Amino acid sequence: MKYISLILVLFLFACGDSNSSSDEWTIPSSEVFDGGPGKDGIPSVDDPEFDSVTNTDYLDENDLVVGVIVNGTAKVYPHPILDWHEIVNDNISSQSFALTYCPLTGTALAWDRNVNGSETTFGVSGKLYNSNLMPYDRESDSYWSQLGLESVNGELVGTPANVFPLIETTWATWKAAYPNAQVMTTNTGFSRNYNQYPYGDFRTNHNNLIFPVSPFDNRLPAKERVFAALSTSTNRVYSIELFEDAQLIQDNIDSQEIMIIGSKADNFMVGFNNPGLEGLSYVANALPVIAEDQDGNRITLSGAITSGPMSGTQLTPLKSVIGYFFSLGAFYPGIEIYE
């Protein structure tokens, strides 16, 4: 009962008022859910503080974290903070972005904060569509769909979100791969218990979705974590279960050769376009290096090639997201499942 009560309390914080910035929606407005304190009831973090990996002691080895790397500078945003705030407005060098995370769909995306020539910040609107976070931008007060990757209501309706690649993995894997990264601290300016997951058994109870989704795809367990490669005409998911034995999967989407590299033990899945590398194989115990081709080109988690004939080049990351399968099935009906 304590979990049910906690979820009901957090439900109030996960939803917002019924007022929208306009009456025009590109999604069914009847499927947009509200409740609780409204906009910013879940406060975004707009001035995050960072410390070194060696000075970070509040994370467990298996805690999930989300990392963003821009021009060699790495920052990492832990799930225990994102679970409570959902959006962090930040920048690396001159690149401004919003790290958006929805704990109900398990999806993290880094959005460009430069929209239509103006820099903005994003906040938590308090609205949910298909159980998924709907940010709003503070410049135009438009509402956006995180997994729909566009504005769905307001002045910017129909505007696509520009996203940046990120890496989601465990704290243990991240530390081993990027020991010089900057880590977001719990000095957020808000009083939250970052040692407590706010949604009870939500992550482990596959029957607990809290909000309805449509359509509901039951081909995989609802909360199985999958890597979704999103393309112009083909969307395909790769289950974390495929990587029980760490491996590199070569595939083809829209006539483009791609590679998906993952490890269930180290808890990561990443994907890149393949520019013609041959004889690719997984590399174990060499983080951040995770793959190598027959010519000795060694590939890292971020797709950087650090040695070999192509040393110094960067593979193009796939447009992708990791999340619970039910959310990808709802937003991309009939999405292909790699087997």
C-alpha atoms as a PDB file:
ATOM      1  CA  MET A   1       0.000   0.000   0.000  1.00  0.00           C
ATOM      2  CA  LYS A   2       2.851   2.400   0.683  1.00  0.00           C
ATOM      3  CA  TYR A   3       3.972   2.083  -2.957  1.00  0.00           C
ATOM      4  CA  ILE A   4       0.449   2.757  -4.210  1.00  0.00           C
ATOM      5  CA  SER A   5       0.183   5.831  -1.996  1.00  0.00           C
ATOM      6  CA  LEU A   6       3.578   7.065  -3.148  1.00  0.00           C
ATOM      7  CA  ILE A   7       2.640   6.628  -6.794  1.00  0.00           C
ATOM      8  CA  LEU A   8      -0.624   8.487  -6.279  1.00  0.00           C
ATOM      9  CA  VAL A   9       1.258  11.362  -4.676  1.00  0.00           C
ATOM     10  CA  LEU A  10       3.778  11.428  -7.520  1.00  0.00           C
ATOM     11  CA  PHE A  11       0.909  11.227 -10.012  1.00  0.00           C
ATOM     12  CA  LEU A  12      -0.059  14.696  -8.860  1.00  0.00           C
ATOM     13  CA  PHE A  13       3.450  15.905  -9.574  1.00  0.00           C
ATOM     14  CA  ALA A  14       3.617  14.117 -12.923  1.00  0.00           C
ATOM     15  CA  CYS A  15       0.606  15.875 -14.399  1.00  0.00           C
ATOM     16  CA  GLY A  16      -0.385  19.478 -14.881  1.00  0.00           C
ATOM     17  CA  ASP A  17      -3.265  21.893 -15.395  1.00  0.00           C
ATOM     18  CA  SER A  18      -5.692  21.552 -18.276  1.00  0.00           C
ATOM     19  CA  ASN A  19      -4.825  24.908 -19.822  1.00  0.00           C
ATOM     20  CA  SER A  20      -2.906  24.719 -23.090  1.00  0.00           C
ATOM     21  CA  SER A  21      -1.199  27.396 -25.108  1.00  0.00           C
ATOM     22  CA  SER A  22      -3.776  26.986 -27.921  1.00  0.00           C
ATOM     23  CA  ASP A  23      -6.648  24.733 -28.970  1.00  0.00           C
ATOM     24  CA  GLU A  24      -4.772  23.225 -31.935  1.00  0.00           C
ATOM     25  CA  TRP A  25      -3.183  19.861 -31.183  1.00  0.00           C
ATOM     26  CA  THR A  26      -1.468  17.499 -33.608  1.00  0.00           C
ATOM     27  CA  ILE A  27      -2.212  14.609 -31.221  1.00  0.00           C
ATOM     28  CA  PRO A  28      -5.621  13.614 -29.804  1.00  0.00           C
ATOM     29  CA  SER A  29      -6.220  16.158 -27.049  1.00  0.00           C
ATOM     30  CA  SER A  30      -8.513  13.661 -25.295  1.00  0.00           C
ATOM     31  CA  GLU A  31      -5.424  11.473 -24.738  1.00  0.00           C
ATOM     32  CA  VAL A  32      -3.410  14.256 -23.101  1.00  0.00           C
ATOM     33  CA  PHE A  33      -3.630  13.770 -19.340  1.00  0.00           C
ATOM     34  CA  ASP A  34      -3.453  16.458 -16.652  1.00  0.00           C
ATOM     35  CA  GLY A  35      -3.444  16.692 -12.884  1.00  0.00           C
ATOM     36  CA  GLY A  36      -1.680  18.177  -9.888  1.00  0.00           C
ATOM     37  CA  PRO A  37       0.132  21.495  -9.623  1.00  0.00           C
ATOM     38  CA  GLY A  38       0.472  22.345 -13.316  1.00  0.00           C
ATOM     39  CA  LYS A  39       3.501  23.703 -15.115  1.00  0.00           C
ATOM     40  CA  ASP A  40       6.805  23.282 -13.312  1.00  0.00           C
ATOM     41  CA  GLY A  41       5.173  21.224 -10.546  1.00  0.00           C
ATOM     42  CA  ILE A  42       8.141  19.005 -11.324  1.00  0.00           C
ATOM     43  CA  PRO A  43      10.883  21.658 -11.480  1.00  0.00           C
ATOM     44  CA  SER A  44      13.523  21.511 -14.180  1.00  0.00           C
ATOM     45  CA  VAL A  45      17.109  22.151 -13.133  1.00  0.00           C
ATOM     46  CA  ASP A  46      18.284  25.240 -15.002  1.00  0.00           C
ATOM     47  CA  ASP A  47      21.628  25.835 -13.281  1.00  0.00           C
ATOM     48  CA  PRO A  48      23.129  22.396 -12.686  1.00  0.00           C
ATOM     49  CA  GLU A  49      26.312  21.960 -10.666  1.00  0.00           C
ATOM     50  CA  PHE A  50      28.986  19.408 -11.479  1.00  0.00           C
ATOM     51  CA  ASP A  51      31.836  17.616  -9.764  1.00  0.00           C
ATOM     52  CA  SER A  52      34.423  15.045 -10.749  1.00  0.00           C
ATOM     53  CA  VAL A  53      33.862  11.316 -10.967  1.00  0.00           C
ATOM     54  CA  THR A  54      36.213  10.765  -8.024  1.00  0.00           C
ATOM     55  CA  ASN A  55      34.238  13.175  -5.807  1.00  0.00           C
ATOM     56  CA  THR A  56      30.858  11.587  -6.571  1.00  0.00           C
ATOM     57  CA  ASP A  57      29.791   9.228  -3.806  1.00  0.00           C
ATOM     58  CA  TYR A  58      25.988   9.261  -3.865  1.00  0.00           C
ATOM     59  CA  LEU A  59      25.561   6.819  -6.749  1.00  0.00           C
ATOM     60  CA  ASP A  60      25.413   3.026  -6.640  1.00  0.00           C
ATOM     61  CA  GLU A  61      27.348   1.050  -9.238  1.00  0.00           C
ATOM     62  CA  ASN A  62      24.140  -0.098 -10.979  1.00  0.00           C
ATOM     63  CA  ASP A  63      22.431   3.299 -11.038  1.00  0.00           C
ATOM     64  CA  LEU A  64      21.668   4.369 -14.595  1.00  0.00           C
ATOM     65  CA  VAL A  65      23.188   7.572 -15.899  1.00  0.00           C
ATOM     66  CA  VAL A  66      22.886   9.528 -19.139  1.00  0.00           C
ATOM     67  CA  GLY A  67      25.978  11.051 -20.719  1.00  0.00           C
ATOM     68  CA  VAL A  68      26.410  13.760 -23.332  1.00  0.00           C
ATOM     69  CA  ILE A  69      29.749  14.312 -25.092  1.00  0.00           C
ATOM     70  CA  VAL A  70      30.407  17.448 -27.144  1.00  0.00           C
ATOM     71  CA  ASN A  71      33.828  18.128 -28.688  1.00  0.00           C
ATOM     72  CA  GLY A  72      35.500  15.764 -26.245  1.00  0.00           C
ATOM     73  CA  THR A  73      33.864  17.218 -23.124  1.00  0.00           C
ATOM     74  CA  ALA A  74      31.676  14.722 -21.277  1.00  0.00           C
ATOM     75  CA  LYS A  75      28.904  15.456 -18.797  1.00  0.00           C
ATOM     76  CA  VAL A  76      26.790  12.861 -17.056  1.00  0.00           C
ATOM     77  CA  TYR A  77      23.276  13.172 -15.601  1.00  0.00           C
ATOM     78  CA  PRO A  78      22.240  10.448 -13.110  1.00  0.00           C
ATOM     79  CA  HIS A  79      18.792   8.856 -13.162  1.00  0.00           C
ATOM     80  CA  PRO A  80      18.352   9.403  -9.392  1.00  0.00           C
ATOM     81  CA  ILE A  81      18.246  13.150 -10.139  1.00  0.00           C
ATOM     82  CA  LEU A  82      16.389  12.911 -13.445  1.00  0.00           C
ATOM     83  CA  ASP A  83      13.653  10.810 -11.812  1.00  0.00           C
ATOM     84  CA  TRP A  84      12.732  13.868  -9.729  1.00  0.00           C
ATOM     85  CA  HIS A  85      13.326  16.704 -12.221  1.00  0.00           C
ATOM     86  CA  GLU A  86      12.921  15.203 -15.728  1.00  0.00           C
ATOM     87  CA  ILE A  87      14.571  18.166 -17.498  1.00  0.00           C
ATOM     88  CA  VAL A  88      18.031  19.699 -17.069  1.00  0.00           C
ATOM     89  CA  ASN A  89      18.834  22.807 -19.114  1.00  0.00           C
ATOM     90  CA  ASP A  90      22.561  22.924 -19.696  1.00  0.00           C
ATOM     91  CA  ASN A  91      25.317  23.606 -22.193  1.00  0.00           C
ATOM     92  CA  ILE A  92      28.704  22.243 -23.183  1.00  0.00           C
ATOM     93  CA  SER A  93      30.924  24.923 -24.674  1.00  0.00           C
ATOM     94  CA  SER A  94      28.646  26.899 -27.003  1.00  0.00           C
ATOM     95  CA  GLN A  95      26.161  24.073 -27.444  1.00  0.00           C
ATOM     96  CA  SER A  96      23.015  24.531 -25.370  1.00  0.00           C
ATOM     97  CA  PHE A  97      20.666  21.598 -24.842  1.00  0.00           C
ATOM     98  CA  ALA A  98      17.936  20.255 -22.593  1.00  0.00           C
ATOM     99  CA  LEU A  99      18.431  16.771 -21.208  1.00  0.00           C
ATOM    100  CA  THR A 100      14.838  15.497 -21.144  1.00  0.00           C
ATOM    101  CA  TYR A 101      13.985  12.296 -19.295  1.00  0.00           C
ATOM    102  CA  CYS A 102      10.644  10.596 -18.706  1.00  0.00           C
ATOM    103  CA  PRO A 103      10.682   8.098 -15.813  1.00  0.00           C
ATOM    104  CA  LEU A 104       7.333   6.632 -16.928  1.00  0.00           C
ATOM    105  CA  THR A 105       8.638   5.596 -20.360  1.00  0.00           C
ATOM    106  CA  GLY A 106      12.325   5.302 -19.434  1.00  0.00           C
ATOM    107  CA  THR A 107      13.346   7.578 -22.305  1.00  0.00           C
ATOM    108  CA  ALA A 108      16.112  10.184 -22.353  1.00  0.00           C
ATOM    109  CA  LEU A 109      16.784  12.626 -25.198  1.00  0.00           C
ATOM    110  CA  ALA A 110      19.044  15.660 -25.496  1.00  0.00           C
ATOM    111  CA  TRP A 111      17.244  18.512 -27.286  1.00  0.00           C
ATOM    112  CA  ASP A 112      18.811  21.545 -28.912  1.00  0.00           C
ATOM    113  CA  ARG A 113      17.666  24.653 -26.995  1.00  0.00           C
ATOM    114  CA  ASN A 114      18.136  26.830 -30.072  1.00  0.00           C
ATOM    115  CA  VAL A 115      14.703  26.763 -31.660  1.00  0.00           C
ATOM    116  CA  ASN A 116      13.794  28.907 -34.683  1.00  0.00           C
ATOM    117  CA  GLY A 117      16.815  31.118 -34.124  1.00  0.00           C
ATOM    118  CA  SER A 118      16.185  31.777 -30.424  1.00  0.00           C
ATOM    119  CA  GLU A 119      17.668  30.083 -27.384  1.00  0.00           C
ATOM    120  CA  THR A 120      15.093  28.843 -24.921  1.00  0.00           C
ATOM    121  CA  THR A 121      14.816  26.622 -21.888  1.00  0.00           C
ATOM    122  CA  PHE A 122      12.416  23.743 -21.497  1.00  0.00           C
ATOM    123  CA  GLY A 123      10.206  23.013 -18.511  1.00  0.00           C
ATOM    124  CA  VAL A 124       7.928  20.174 -17.413  1.00  0.00           C
ATOM    125  CA  SER A 125       4.418  21.054 -18.612  1.00  0.00           C
ATOM    126  CA  GLY A 126       2.696  18.559 -16.331  1.00  0.00           C
ATOM    127  CA  LYS A 127       1.008  16.953 -19.333  1.00  0.00           C
ATOM    128  CA  LEU A 128       1.487  13.392 -20.511  1.00  0.00           C
ATOM    129  CA  TYR A 129       0.682  11.745 -23.821  1.00  0.00           C
ATOM    130  CA  ASN A 130       0.912   7.959 -24.013  1.00  0.00           C
ATOM    131  CA  SER A 131       2.453   8.101 -20.530  1.00  0.00           C
ATOM    132  CA  ASN A 132       5.300  10.199 -21.946  1.00  0.00           C
ATOM    133  CA  LEU A 133       6.724  13.534 -20.865  1.00  0.00           C
ATOM    134  CA  MET A 134       5.531  16.660 -22.633  1.00  0.00           C
ATOM    135  CA  PRO A 135       8.040  19.499 -22.212  1.00  0.00           C
ATOM    136  CA  TYR A 136       7.124  23.110 -22.953  1.00  0.00           C
ATOM    137  CA  ASP A 137       9.522  25.749 -24.169  1.00  0.00           C
ATOM    138  CA  ARG A 138       9.572  28.960 -22.197  1.00  0.00           C
ATOM    139  CA  GLU A 139      10.237  31.217 -25.190  1.00  0.00           C
ATOM    140  CA  SER A 140       6.981  30.501 -27.042  1.00  0.00           C
ATOM    141  CA  ASP A 141       5.013  28.487 -24.434  1.00  0.00           C
ATOM    142  CA  SER A 142       4.572  25.711 -26.989  1.00  0.00           C
ATOM    143  CA  TYR A 143       4.023  22.110 -25.869  1.00  0.00           C
ATOM    144  CA  TRP A 144       6.197  19.302 -27.221  1.00  0.00           C
ATOM    145  CA  SER A 145       6.040  15.516 -27.349  1.00  0.00           C
ATOM    146  CA  GLN A 146       9.286  13.976 -26.147  1.00  0.00           C
ATOM    147  CA  LEU A 147       8.985  10.705 -28.069  1.00  0.00           C
ATOM    148  CA  GLY A 148       7.045  12.366 -30.900  1.00  0.00           C
ATOM    149  CA  LEU A 149      10.072  14.665 -31.314  1.00  0.00           C
ATOM    150  CA  GLU A 150       8.075  17.752 -32.260  1.00  0.00           C
ATOM    151  CA  SER A 151       5.891  20.547 -30.952  1.00  0.00           C
ATOM    152  CA  VAL A 152       2.287  19.385 -30.747  1.00  0.00           C
ATOM    153  CA  ASN A 153       0.565  22.553 -29.526  1.00  0.00           C
ATOM    154  CA  GLY A 154       1.160  26.300 -29.557  1.00  0.00           C
ATOM    155  CA  GLU A 155       3.019  28.807 -31.695  1.00  0.00           C
ATOM    156  CA  LEU A 156       5.644  26.265 -32.799  1.00  0.00           C
ATOM    157  CA  VAL A 157       3.219  23.414 -33.533  1.00  0.00           C
ATOM    158  CA  GLY A 158       4.753  21.013 -36.059  1.00  0.00           C
ATOM    159  CA  THR A 159       8.330  22.162 -35.414  1.00  0.00           C
ATOM    160  CA  PRO A 160      10.662  19.149 -35.112  1.00  0.00           C
ATOM    161  CA  ALA A 161      13.040  18.771 -32.180  1.00  0.00           C
ATOM    162  CA  ASN A 162      16.734  18.674 -33.013  1.00  0.00           C
ATOM    163  CA  VAL A 163      18.374  15.977 -30.894  1.00  0.00           C
ATOM    164  CA  PHE A 164      21.963  15.164 -29.940  1.00  0.00           C
ATOM    165  CA  PRO A 165      23.459  11.724 -29.319  1.00  0.00           C
ATOM    166  CA  LEU A 166      23.778  10.486 -25.772  1.00  0.00           C
ATOM    167  CA  ILE A 167      24.908   7.384 -23.919  1.00  0.00           C
ATOM    168  CA  GLU A 168      22.827   5.623 -21.279  1.00  0.00           C
ATOM    169  CA  THR A 169      24.556   3.070 -19.095  1.00  0.00           C
ATOM    170  CA  THR A 170      25.364   2.263 -15.481  1.00  0.00           C
ATOM    171  CA  TRP A 171      27.482   4.397 -13.204  1.00  0.00           C
ATOM    172  CA  ALA A 172      30.074   1.588 -13.047  1.00  0.00           C
ATOM    173  CA  THR A 173      30.393   1.426 -16.835  1.00  0.00           C
ATOM    174  CA  TRP A 174      30.478   5.201 -17.213  1.00  0.00           C
ATOM    175  CA  LYS A 175      33.249   5.592 -14.614  1.00  0.00           C
ATOM    176  CA  ALA A 176      35.357   2.985 -16.366  1.00  0.00           C
ATOM    177  CA  ALA A 177      34.820   4.576 -19.775  1.00  0.00           C
ATOM    178  CA  TYR A 178      35.013   8.299 -18.955  1.00  0.00           C
ATOM    179  CA  PRO A 179      36.812   8.869 -15.638  1.00  0.00           C
ATOM    180  CA  ASN A 180      37.379  12.555 -16.468  1.00  0.00           C
ATOM    181  CA  ALA A 181      33.709  13.378 -16.997  1.00  0.00           C
ATOM    182  CA  GLN A 182      31.824  16.047 -15.073  1.00  0.00           C
ATOM    183  CA  VAL A 183      29.004  14.576 -12.966  1.00  0.00           C
ATOM    184  CA  MET A 184      25.850  16.439 -12.033  1.00  0.00           C
ATOM    185  CA  THR A 185      25.576  16.862  -8.263  1.00  0.00           C
ATOM    186  CA  THR A 186      22.551  16.778  -5.994  1.00  0.00           C
ATOM    187  CA  ASN A 187      22.989  20.528  -5.343  1.00  0.00           C
ATOM    188  CA  THR A 188      19.994  21.262  -7.532  1.00  0.00           C
ATOM    189  CA  GLY A 189      18.472  24.056  -5.455  1.00  0.00           C
ATOM    190  CA  PHE A 190      15.559  21.780  -4.522  1.00  0.00           C
ATOM    191  CA  SER A 191      14.918  19.545  -1.533  1.00  0.00           C
ATOM    192  CA  ARG A 192      14.467  16.004  -2.804  1.00  0.00           C
ATOM    193  CA  ASN A 193      15.465  12.584  -1.508  1.00  0.00           C
ATOM    194  CA  TYR A 194      17.716  11.481  -4.352  1.00  0.00           C
ATOM    195  CA  ASN A 195      18.403   8.205  -2.571  1.00  0.00           C
ATOM    196  CA  GLN A 196      14.772   7.149  -3.023  1.00  0.00           C
ATOM    197  CA  TYR A 197      13.135   6.190  -6.308  1.00  0.00           C
ATOM    198  CA  PRO A 198       9.856   8.153  -6.377  1.00  0.00           C
ATOM    199  CA  TYR A 199       7.633   5.655  -8.232  1.00  0.00           C
ATOM    200  CA  GLY A 200       7.624   2.595  -5.993  1.00  0.00           C
ATOM    201  CA  ASP A 201       7.706  -0.671  -7.957  1.00  0.00           C
ATOM    202  CA  PHE A 202       6.990   0.987 -11.293  1.00  0.00           C
ATOM    203  CA  ARG A 203      10.245  -0.123 -12.927  1.00  0.00           C
ATOM    204  CA  THR A 204       9.796  -3.787 -12.017  1.00  0.00           C
ATOM    205  CA  ASN A 205       6.020  -4.221 -12.200  1.00  0.00           C
ATOM    206  CA  HIS A 206       5.324  -4.708 -15.894  1.00  0.00           C
ATOM    207  CA  ASN A 207       1.566  -4.439 -15.357  1.00  0.00           C
ATOM    208  CA  ASN A 208       1.798  -1.002 -13.749  1.00  0.00           C
ATOM    209  CA  LEU A 209       1.627   1.749 -16.391  1.00  0.00           C
ATOM    210  CA  ILE A 210      -0.360   4.307 -14.308  1.00  0.00           C
ATOM    211  CA  PHE A 211      -1.590   6.016 -17.515  1.00  0.00           C
ATOM    212  CA  PRO A 212      -3.266   4.436 -20.565  1.00  0.00           C
ATOM    213  CA  VAL A 213      -1.383   4.091 -23.843  1.00  0.00           C
ATOM    214  CA  SER A 214      -2.760   3.563 -27.332  1.00  0.00           C
ATOM    215  CA  PRO A 215      -2.044   1.356 -29.123  1.00  0.00           C
ATOM    216  CA  PHE A 216      -0.676  -1.109 -26.591  1.00  0.00           C
ATOM    217  CA  ASP A 217       1.883  -3.450 -28.184  1.00  0.00           C
ATOM    218  CA  ASN A 218       2.302  -6.718 -26.284  1.00  0.00           C
ATOM    219  CA  ARG A 219       4.862  -8.416 -28.522  1.00  0.00           C
ATOM    220  CA  LEU A 220       7.541  -7.862 -25.865  1.00  0.00           C
ATOM    221  CA  PRO A 221       7.201  -7.341 -22.102  1.00  0.00           C
ATOM    222  CA  ALA A 222       5.925  -3.827 -21.517  1.00  0.00           C
ATOM    223  CA  LYS A 223       9.007  -2.599 -19.685  1.00  0.00           C
ATOM    224  CA  GLU A 224      11.699  -4.498 -21.521  1.00  0.00           C
ATOM    225  CA  ARG A 225      14.457  -1.983 -22.300  1.00  0.00           C
ATOM    226  CA  VAL A 226      15.039  -1.612 -26.006  1.00  0.00           C
ATOM    227  CA  PHE A 227      17.218   0.441 -28.301  1.00  0.00           C
ATOM    228  CA  ALA A 228      15.058   2.038 -30.992  1.00  0.00           C
ATOM    229  CA  ALA A 229      16.677   3.072 -34.272  1.00  0.00           C
ATOM    230  CA  LEU A 230      14.470   5.745 -35.845  1.00  0.00           C
ATOM    231  CA  SER A 231      14.674   6.411 -39.565  1.00  0.00           C
ATOM    232  CA  THR A 232      12.715   8.094 -42.327  1.00  0.00           C
ATOM    233  CA  SER A 233      10.576   5.098 -43.220  1.00  0.00           C
ATOM    234  CA  THR A 234      11.768   2.278 -40.931  1.00  0.00           C
ATOM    235  CA  ASN A 235      11.801   2.145 -37.139  1.00  0.00           C
ATOM    236  CA  ARG A 236      13.274  -0.903 -35.433  1.00  0.00           C
ATOM    237  CA  VAL A 237      13.929  -1.961 -31.832  1.00  0.00           C
ATOM    238  CA  TYR A 238      16.717  -4.116 -30.440  1.00  0.00           C
ATOM    239  CA  SER A 239      16.048  -5.659 -27.025  1.00  0.00           C
ATOM    240  CA  ILE A 240      18.670  -5.560 -24.280  1.00  0.00           C
ATOM    241  CA  GLU A 241      18.149  -9.343 -24.140  1.00  0.00           C
ATOM    242  CA  LEU A 242      19.914  -9.657 -27.513  1.00  0.00           C
ATOM    243  CA  PHE A 243      23.095  -8.568 -25.769  1.00  0.00           C
ATOM    244  CA  GLU A 244      23.115 -11.178 -22.995  1.00  0.00           C
ATOM    245  CA  ASP A 245      26.407 -12.158 -24.570  1.00  0.00           C
ATOM    246  CA  ALA A 246      27.920  -8.800 -25.491  1.00  0.00           C
ATOM    247  CA  GLN A 247      27.956  -8.457 -29.240  1.00  0.00           C
ATOM    248  CA  LEU A 248      27.918  -6.280 -32.327  1.00  0.00           C
ATOM    249  CA  ILE A 249      24.904  -6.572 -34.620  1.00  0.00           C
ATOM    250  CA  GLN A 250      25.256  -5.473 -38.245  1.00  0.00           C
ATOM    251  CA  ASP A 251      21.979  -4.508 -39.881  1.00  0.00           C
ATOM    252  CA  ASN A 252      20.496  -2.463 -42.702  1.00  0.00           C
ATOM    253  CA  ILE A 253      17.869   0.275 -42.394  1.00  0.00           C
ATOM    254  CA  ASP A 254      16.642   2.215 -45.426  1.00  0.00           C
ATOM    255  CA  SER A 255      19.562   0.834 -47.490  1.00  0.00           C
ATOM    256  CA  GLN A 256      22.030   2.138 -44.907  1.00  0.00           C
ATOM    257  CA  GLU A 257      24.462  -0.238 -43.234  1.00  0.00           C
ATOM    258  CA  ILE A 258      24.362   0.216 -39.472  1.00  0.00           C
ATOM    259  CA  MET A 259      25.832  -1.373 -36.358  1.00  0.00           C
ATOM    260  CA  ILE A 260      24.272  -1.827 -32.917  1.00  0.00           C
ATOM    261  CA  ILE A 261      26.755  -2.588 -30.145  1.00  0.00           C
ATOM    262  CA  GLY A 262      25.616  -3.651 -26.709  1.00  0.00           C
ATOM    263  CA  SER A 263      26.265  -5.508 -23.499  1.00  0.00           C
ATOM    264  CA  LYS A 264      23.617  -6.522 -20.978  1.00  0.00           C
ATOM    265  CA  ALA A 265      26.275  -7.016 -18.305  1.00  0.00           C
ATOM    266  CA  ASP A 266      27.651  -3.500 -18.782  1.00  0.00           C
ATOM    267  CA  ASN A 267      24.136  -2.228 -19.547  1.00  0.00           C
ATOM    268  CA  PHE A 268      24.565  -0.204 -22.710  1.00  0.00           C
ATOM    269  CA  MET A 269      23.317  -0.174 -26.299  1.00  0.00           C
ATOM    270  CA  VAL A 270      24.630   2.256 -28.914  1.00  0.00           C
ATOM    271  CA  GLY A 271      24.233   2.474 -32.684  1.00  0.00           C
ATOM    272  CA  PHE A 272      26.085   4.056 -35.598  1.00  0.00           C
ATOM    273  CA  ASN A 273      26.088   4.239 -39.358  1.00  0.00           C
ATOM    274  CA  ASN A 274      28.748   1.977 -40.841  1.00  0.00           C
ATOM    275  CA  PRO A 275      30.881   3.842 -43.412  1.00  0.00           C
ATOM    276  CA  GLY A 276      32.279   0.593 -44.817  1.00  0.00           C
ATOM    277  CA  LEU A 277      34.201  -0.953 -41.936  1.00  0.00           C
ATOM    278  CA  GLU A 278      34.822  -4.662 -42.470  1.00  0.00           C
ATOM    279  CA  GLY A 279      35.410  -7.544 -40.086  1.00  0.00           C
ATOM    280  CA  LEU A 280      33.761  -5.808 -37.151  1.00  0.00           C
ATOM    281  CA  SER A 281      33.735  -7.492 -33.754  1.00  0.00           C
ATOM    282  CA  TYR A 282      32.936  -6.662 -30.146  1.00  0.00           C
ATOM    283  CA  VAL A 283      35.843  -5.779 -27.849  1.00  0.00           C
ATOM    284  CA  ALA A 284      35.476  -6.663 -24.163  1.00  0.00           C
ATOM    285  CA  ASN A 285      37.161  -5.125 -21.125  1.00  0.00           C
ATOM    286  CA  ALA A 286      38.651  -2.135 -22.951  1.00  0.00           C
ATOM    287  CA  LEU A 287      36.239   0.727 -22.151  1.00  0.00           C
ATOM    288  CA  PRO A 288      35.583   3.164 -23.680  1.00  0.00           C
ATOM    289  CA  VAL A 289      36.566   0.990 -26.676  1.00  0.00           C
ATOM    290  CA  ILE A 290      33.804  -1.498 -27.511  1.00  0.00           C
ATOM    291  CA  ALA A 291      34.484  -2.624 -31.092  1.00  0.00           C
ATOM    292  CA  GLU A 292      37.234  -3.082 -33.671  1.00  0.00           C
ATOM    293  CA  ASP A 293      37.407  -3.786 -37.391  1.00  0.00           C
ATOM    294  CA  GLN A 294      39.848  -5.971 -39.324  1.00  0.00           C
ATOM    295  CA  ASP A 295      42.168  -3.021 -39.959  1.00  0.00           C
ATOM    296  CA  GLY A 296      42.543  -2.170 -36.284  1.00  0.00           C
ATOM    297  CA  ASN A 297      40.122   0.767 -36.160  1.00  0.00           C
ATOM    298  CA  ARG A 298      38.928   0.818 -32.542  1.00  0.00           C
ATOM    299  CA  ILE A 299      35.488   2.310 -31.798  1.00  0.00           C
ATOM    300  CA  THR A 300      34.375   3.818 -28.481  1.00  0.00           C
ATOM    301  CA  LEU A 301      30.965   4.130 -26.832  1.00  0.00           C
ATOM    302  CA  SER A 302      30.541   7.549 -28.435  1.00  0.00           C
ATOM    303  CA  GLY A 303      31.562   6.308 -31.900  1.00  0.00           C
ATOM    304  CA  ALA A 304      34.983   7.963 -31.820  1.00  0.00           C
ATOM    305  CA  ILE A 305      37.722   5.970 -33.558  1.00  0.00           C
ATOM    306  CA  THR A 306      40.780   6.215 -31.331  1.00  0.00           C
ATOM    307  CA  SER A 307      43.331   4.086 -33.168  1.00  0.00           C
ATOM    308  CA  GLY A 308      43.900   2.493 -36.564  1.00  0.00           C
ATOM    309  CA  PRO A 309      43.906   3.986 -40.075  1.00  0.00           C
ATOM    310  CA  MET A 310      40.755   6.039 -39.321  1.00  0.00           C
ATOM    311  CA  SER A 311      41.980   7.333 -35.971  1.00  0.00           C
ATOM    312  CA  GLY A 312      40.552  10.773 -35.144  1.00  0.00           C
ATOM    313  CA  THR A 313      37.321  10.291 -37.070  1.00  0.00           C
ATOM    314  CA  GLN A 314      33.813  10.033 -35.646  1.00  0.00           C
ATOM    315  CA  LEU A 315      31.104   7.578 -36.664  1.00  0.00           C
ATOM    316  CA  THR A 316      27.665   9.098 -37.163  1.00  0.00           C
ATOM    317  CA  PRO A 317      25.347   8.044 -34.319  1.00  0.00           C
ATOM    318  CA  LEU A 318      21.919   6.754 -35.286  1.00  0.00           C
ATOM    319  CA  LYS A 319      18.852   8.797 -34.471  1.00  0.00           C
ATOM    320  CA  SER A 320      17.743   6.644 -31.582  1.00  0.00           C
ATOM    321  CA  VAL A 321      16.330   6.364 -28.092  1.00  0.00           C
ATOM    322  CA  ILE A 322      16.415   3.746 -25.339  1.00  0.00           C
ATOM    323  CA  GLY A 323      13.178   3.139 -23.473  1.00  0.00           C
ATOM    324  CA  TYR A 324      10.508   0.733 -22.310  1.00  0.00           C
ATOM    325  CA  PHE A 325       9.088  -1.247 -25.217  1.00  0.00           C
ATOM    326  CA  PHE A 326       5.470  -0.245 -24.547  1.00  0.00           C
ATOM    327  CA  SER A 327       6.331   3.400 -25.192  1.00  0.00           C
ATOM    328  CA  LEU A 328       7.997   2.733 -28.539  1.00  0.00           C
ATOM    329  CA  GLY A 329       5.097   0.512 -29.564  1.00  0.00           C
ATOM    330  CA  ALA A 330       2.636   3.299 -28.751  1.00  0.00           C
ATOM    331  CA  PHE A 331       4.483   6.099 -30.535  1.00  0.00           C
ATOM    332  CA  TYR A 332       5.607   4.008 -33.516  1.00  0.00           C
ATOM    333  CA  PRO A 333       2.750   1.526 -34.149  1.00  0.00           C
ATOM    334  CA  GLY A 334       3.972  -1.683 -35.762  1.00  0.00           C
ATOM    335  CA  ILE A 335       7.619  -0.869 -35.035  1.00  0.00           C
ATOM    336  CA  GLU A 336       9.869  -3.673 -36.264  1.00  0.00           C
ATOM    337  CA  ILE A 337      11.488  -5.970 -33.722  1.00  0.00           C
ATOM    338  CA  TYR A 338      14.953  -7.287 -34.575  1.00  0.00           C
ATOM    339  CA  GLU A 339      15.286 -11.014 -33.924  1.00  0.00           C
END
